[in-house]
Amino acid sequence: MSQDDSLSPDAFAALQARFQQQSRKAQAYYTVMHEAGKVLGGDAAADAWMNAPLAALGGQTPAALVGAGRADDVLAHVRTMKS
């Protein structure tokens, strides 16, 4: 990238905000995966669970809910699975 192609401060701030949002989503996803893995017996089972529509979650997948910013709802469901 040449100096003439540099990003404007506003464009750079927008990219930074998008990166931070994606980072938060990734952290939430892996937090849920970790908790589900403890309950379900491992990463492979947690991955399958994350991508399966669940009646308890309104027919949505845990992954979709986490992506929509509802990681707390999914974690609450995982905690009910521990009992």
N, C-alpha and C. Protein backbone atom coordinates (compact mmCIF):
# COMPACT_ATOMS: atom_id res chain seq x y z
N MET A 1 0.85 -1.17 0.00
CA MET A 1 0.00 0.00 0.00
C MET A 1 0.89 1.22 0.00
N SER A 2 0.66 2.13 -0.93
CA SER A 2 1.45 3.35 -0.98
C SER A 2 0.87 4.37 -0.02
N GLN A 3 1.61 5.43 0.18
CA GLN A 3 1.15 6.47 1.10
C GLN A 3 -0.14 7.11 0.58
N ASP A 4 -0.32 7.16 -0.73
CA ASP A 4 -1.54 7.73 -1.31
C ASP A 4 -2.76 6.84 -1.05
N ASP A 5 -2.53 5.56 -0.80
CA ASP A 5 -3.61 4.62 -0.57
C ASP A 5 -3.96 4.45 0.90
N SER A 6 -3.39 5.27 1.77
CA SER A 6 -3.61 5.08 3.21
C SER A 6 -5.07 5.34 3.57
N LEU A 7 -5.47 4.71 4.65
CA LEU A 7 -6.84 4.85 5.15
C LEU A 7 -7.03 6.20 5.84
N SER A 8 -8.22 6.72 5.68
CA SER A 8 -8.56 7.93 6.43
C SER A 8 -8.71 7.56 7.89
N PRO A 9 -8.59 8.51 8.79
CA PRO A 9 -8.79 8.21 10.21
C PRO A 9 -10.16 7.59 10.49
N ASP A 10 -11.21 8.06 9.79
CA ASP A 10 -12.55 7.49 10.00
C ASP A 10 -12.62 6.05 9.52
N ALA A 11 -12.00 5.76 8.38
CA ALA A 11 -12.00 4.39 7.86
C ALA A 11 -11.22 3.47 8.79
N PHE A 12 -10.10 3.97 9.29
CA PHE A 12 -9.30 3.16 10.22
C PHE A 12 -10.08 2.89 11.50
N ALA A 13 -10.78 3.89 12.02
CA ALA A 13 -11.58 3.71 13.24
C ALA A 13 -12.70 2.71 13.00
N ALA A 14 -13.30 2.75 11.81
CA ALA A 14 -14.37 1.79 11.49
C ALA A 14 -13.82 0.37 11.43
N LEU A 15 -12.65 0.20 10.84
CA LEU A 15 -12.02 -1.13 10.80
C LEU A 15 -11.67 -1.61 12.20
N GLN A 16 -11.18 -0.72 13.01
CA GLN A 16 -10.83 -1.09 14.38
C GLN A 16 -12.07 -1.51 15.16
N ALA A 17 -13.16 -0.80 15.00
CA ALA A 17 -14.41 -1.14 15.68
C ALA A 17 -14.93 -2.49 15.22
N ARG A 18 -14.83 -2.75 13.92
CA ARG A 18 -15.29 -4.04 13.39
C ARG A 18 -14.43 -5.18 13.94
N PHE A 19 -13.13 -4.97 14.00
CA PHE A 19 -12.25 -5.99 14.55
C PHE A 19 -12.60 -6.28 16.01
N GLN A 20 -12.85 -5.24 16.79
CA GLN A 20 -13.19 -5.43 18.20
C GLN A 20 -14.51 -6.17 18.35
N GLN A 21 -15.48 -5.86 17.50
CA GLN A 21 -16.77 -6.56 17.54
C GLN A 21 -16.58 -8.04 17.21
N GLN A 22 -15.81 -8.33 16.18
CA GLN A 22 -15.56 -9.72 15.81
C GLN A 22 -14.78 -10.45 16.89
N SER A 23 -13.88 -9.76 17.54
CA SER A 23 -13.10 -10.36 18.62
C SER A 23 -14.02 -10.72 19.79
N ARG A 24 -14.96 -9.84 20.13
CA ARG A 24 -15.90 -10.13 21.21
C ARG A 24 -16.77 -11.33 20.86
N LYS A 25 -17.21 -11.42 19.60
CA LYS A 25 -18.03 -12.56 19.17
C LYS A 25 -17.22 -13.86 19.28
N ALA A 26 -15.97 -13.81 18.86
CA ALA A 26 -15.13 -15.00 18.93
C ALA A 26 -14.91 -15.42 20.38
N GLN A 27 -14.66 -14.46 21.24
CA GLN A 27 -14.47 -14.78 22.66
C GLN A 27 -15.73 -15.39 23.25
N ALA A 28 -16.89 -14.85 22.90
CA ALA A 28 -18.15 -15.38 23.41
C ALA A 28 -18.36 -16.80 22.90
N TYR A 29 -18.08 -17.02 21.61
CA TYR A 29 -18.25 -18.34 21.01
C TYR A 29 -17.39 -19.38 21.73
N TYR A 30 -16.13 -19.05 21.95
CA TYR A 30 -15.24 -20.02 22.58
C TYR A 30 -15.52 -20.18 24.07
N THR A 31 -16.07 -19.17 24.72
CA THR A 31 -16.49 -19.33 26.11
C THR A 31 -17.63 -20.35 26.19
N VAL A 32 -18.61 -20.20 25.29
CA VAL A 32 -19.72 -21.15 25.26
C VAL A 32 -19.22 -22.54 24.89
N MET A 33 -18.35 -22.63 23.89
CA MET A 33 -17.78 -23.93 23.48
C MET A 33 -17.08 -24.61 24.66
N HIS A 34 -16.30 -23.84 25.41
CA HIS A 34 -15.56 -24.40 26.54
C HIS A 34 -16.52 -24.95 27.60
N GLU A 35 -17.55 -24.18 27.93
CA GLU A 35 -18.51 -24.64 28.93
C GLU A 35 -19.30 -25.85 28.43
N ALA A 36 -19.71 -25.82 27.17
CA ALA A 36 -20.45 -26.95 26.61
C ALA A 36 -19.55 -28.19 26.54
N GLY A 37 -18.30 -28.00 26.21
CA GLY A 37 -17.36 -29.12 26.15
C GLY A 37 -17.19 -29.81 27.49
N LYS A 38 -17.19 -29.02 28.56
CA LYS A 38 -17.08 -29.62 29.90
C LYS A 38 -18.29 -30.49 30.20
N VAL A 39 -19.47 -30.05 29.78
CA VAL A 39 -20.70 -30.79 30.06
C VAL A 39 -20.85 -31.99 29.12
N LEU A 40 -20.50 -31.79 27.86
CA LEU A 40 -20.75 -32.82 26.84
C LEU A 40 -19.60 -33.79 26.64
N GLY A 41 -18.46 -33.51 27.23
CA GLY A 41 -17.36 -34.46 27.17
C GLY A 41 -16.30 -34.18 26.13
N GLY A 42 -16.23 -32.97 25.60
CA GLY A 42 -15.14 -32.66 24.70
C GLY A 42 -15.51 -31.69 23.60
N ASP A 43 -14.47 -31.28 22.87
CA ASP A 43 -14.65 -30.27 21.84
C ASP A 43 -15.49 -30.75 20.67
N ALA A 44 -15.33 -32.00 20.25
CA ALA A 44 -16.09 -32.50 19.11
C ALA A 44 -17.59 -32.51 19.43
N ALA A 45 -17.94 -32.95 20.63
CA ALA A 45 -19.35 -32.96 21.03
C ALA A 45 -19.88 -31.54 21.16
N ALA A 46 -19.07 -30.64 21.69
CA ALA A 46 -19.50 -29.25 21.84
C ALA A 46 -19.69 -28.60 20.47
N ASP A 47 -18.82 -28.90 19.53
CA ASP A 47 -18.95 -28.35 18.19
C ASP A 47 -20.24 -28.82 17.53
N ALA A 48 -20.53 -30.10 17.64
CA ALA A 48 -21.77 -30.63 17.07
C ALA A 48 -22.98 -29.98 17.73
N TRP A 49 -22.93 -29.82 19.04
CA TRP A 49 -24.02 -29.20 19.78
C TRP A 49 -24.22 -27.74 19.37
N MET A 50 -23.13 -27.01 19.18
CA MET A 50 -23.20 -25.60 18.79
C MET A 50 -23.92 -25.40 17.46
N ASN A 51 -23.87 -26.41 16.60
CA ASN A 51 -24.43 -26.28 15.26
C ASN A 51 -25.74 -27.04 15.06
N ALA A 52 -26.32 -27.53 16.14
CA ALA A 52 -27.59 -28.26 16.07
C ALA A 52 -28.73 -27.38 16.55
N PRO A 53 -29.81 -27.27 15.77
CA PRO A 53 -30.97 -26.52 16.26
C PRO A 53 -31.53 -27.20 17.52
N LEU A 54 -31.80 -26.41 18.53
CA LEU A 54 -32.27 -26.95 19.80
C LEU A 54 -33.65 -26.38 20.14
N ALA A 55 -34.56 -27.27 20.48
CA ALA A 55 -35.92 -26.84 20.86
C ALA A 55 -35.86 -25.88 22.05
N ALA A 56 -34.97 -26.15 22.98
CA ALA A 56 -34.85 -25.31 24.18
C ALA A 56 -34.40 -23.89 23.86
N LEU A 57 -33.85 -23.71 22.67
CA LEU A 57 -33.39 -22.38 22.24
C LEU A 57 -34.25 -21.85 21.09
N GLY A 58 -35.51 -22.27 21.08
CA GLY A 58 -36.43 -21.79 20.07
C GLY A 58 -36.15 -22.32 18.67
N GLY A 59 -35.52 -23.49 18.60
CA GLY A 59 -35.21 -24.08 17.31
C GLY A 59 -33.97 -23.50 16.65
N GLN A 60 -33.28 -22.61 17.33
CA GLN A 60 -32.07 -22.02 16.78
C GLN A 60 -30.85 -22.78 17.27
N THR A 61 -29.75 -22.59 16.57
CA THR A 61 -28.51 -23.21 17.02
C THR A 61 -27.85 -22.31 18.06
N PRO A 62 -27.11 -22.91 18.99
CA PRO A 62 -26.35 -22.09 19.93
C PRO A 62 -25.41 -21.13 19.21
N ALA A 63 -24.78 -21.58 18.13
CA ALA A 63 -23.85 -20.72 17.38
C ALA A 63 -24.56 -19.49 16.84
N ALA A 64 -25.77 -19.66 16.31
CA ALA A 64 -26.51 -18.52 15.76
C ALA A 64 -26.86 -17.52 16.87
N LEU A 65 -27.25 -18.04 18.02
CA LEU A 65 -27.60 -17.15 19.13
C LEU A 65 -26.38 -16.39 19.63
N VAL A 66 -25.25 -17.07 19.72
CA VAL A 66 -24.01 -16.39 20.14
C VAL A 66 -23.67 -15.31 19.12
N GLY A 67 -23.79 -15.63 17.85
CA GLY A 67 -23.51 -14.65 16.80
C GLY A 67 -24.44 -13.45 16.85
N ALA A 68 -25.64 -13.65 17.37
CA ALA A 68 -26.61 -12.57 17.50
C ALA A 68 -26.46 -11.80 18.81
N GLY A 69 -25.41 -12.12 19.57
CA GLY A 69 -25.17 -11.41 20.82
C GLY A 69 -25.88 -11.97 22.02
N ARG A 70 -26.34 -13.22 21.93
CA ARG A 70 -27.10 -13.82 23.03
C ARG A 70 -26.32 -14.94 23.72
N ALA A 71 -25.03 -14.75 23.87
CA ALA A 71 -24.19 -15.76 24.52
C ALA A 71 -24.65 -16.04 25.95
N ASP A 72 -25.12 -15.03 26.65
CA ASP A 72 -25.57 -15.23 28.04
C ASP A 72 -26.76 -16.19 28.10
N ASP A 73 -27.66 -16.10 27.12
CA ASP A 73 -28.80 -17.03 27.07
C ASP A 73 -28.32 -18.45 26.84
N VAL A 74 -27.35 -18.60 25.96
CA VAL A 74 -26.83 -19.94 25.66
C VAL A 74 -26.08 -20.49 26.87
N LEU A 75 -25.29 -19.66 27.53
CA LEU A 75 -24.59 -20.10 28.74
C LEU A 75 -25.58 -20.50 29.84
N ALA A 76 -26.67 -19.79 29.95
CA ALA A 76 -27.69 -20.15 30.95
C ALA A 76 -28.24 -21.53 30.63
N HIS A 77 -28.44 -21.81 29.35
CA HIS A 77 -28.93 -23.15 28.96
C HIS A 77 -27.88 -24.22 29.27
N VAL A 78 -26.62 -23.92 29.01
CA VAL A 78 -25.56 -24.89 29.31
C VAL A 78 -25.56 -25.21 30.80
N ARG A 79 -25.76 -24.20 31.62
CA ARG A 79 -25.78 -24.42 33.08
C ARG A 79 -26.92 -25.33 33.50
N THR A 80 -28.05 -25.30 32.77
CA THR A 80 -29.15 -26.22 33.08
C THR A 80 -28.79 -27.64 32.68
N MET A 81 -27.91 -27.79 31.73
CA MET A 81 -27.49 -29.13 31.28
C MET A 81 -26.60 -29.80 32.32
N LYS A 82 -25.97 -29.02 33.16
CA LYS A 82 -25.07 -29.57 34.19
C LYS A 82 -25.83 -30.31 35.26
N SER A 83 -27.06 -29.90 35.50
CA SER A 83 -27.85 -30.48 36.59
C SER A 83 -28.28 -31.89 36.28
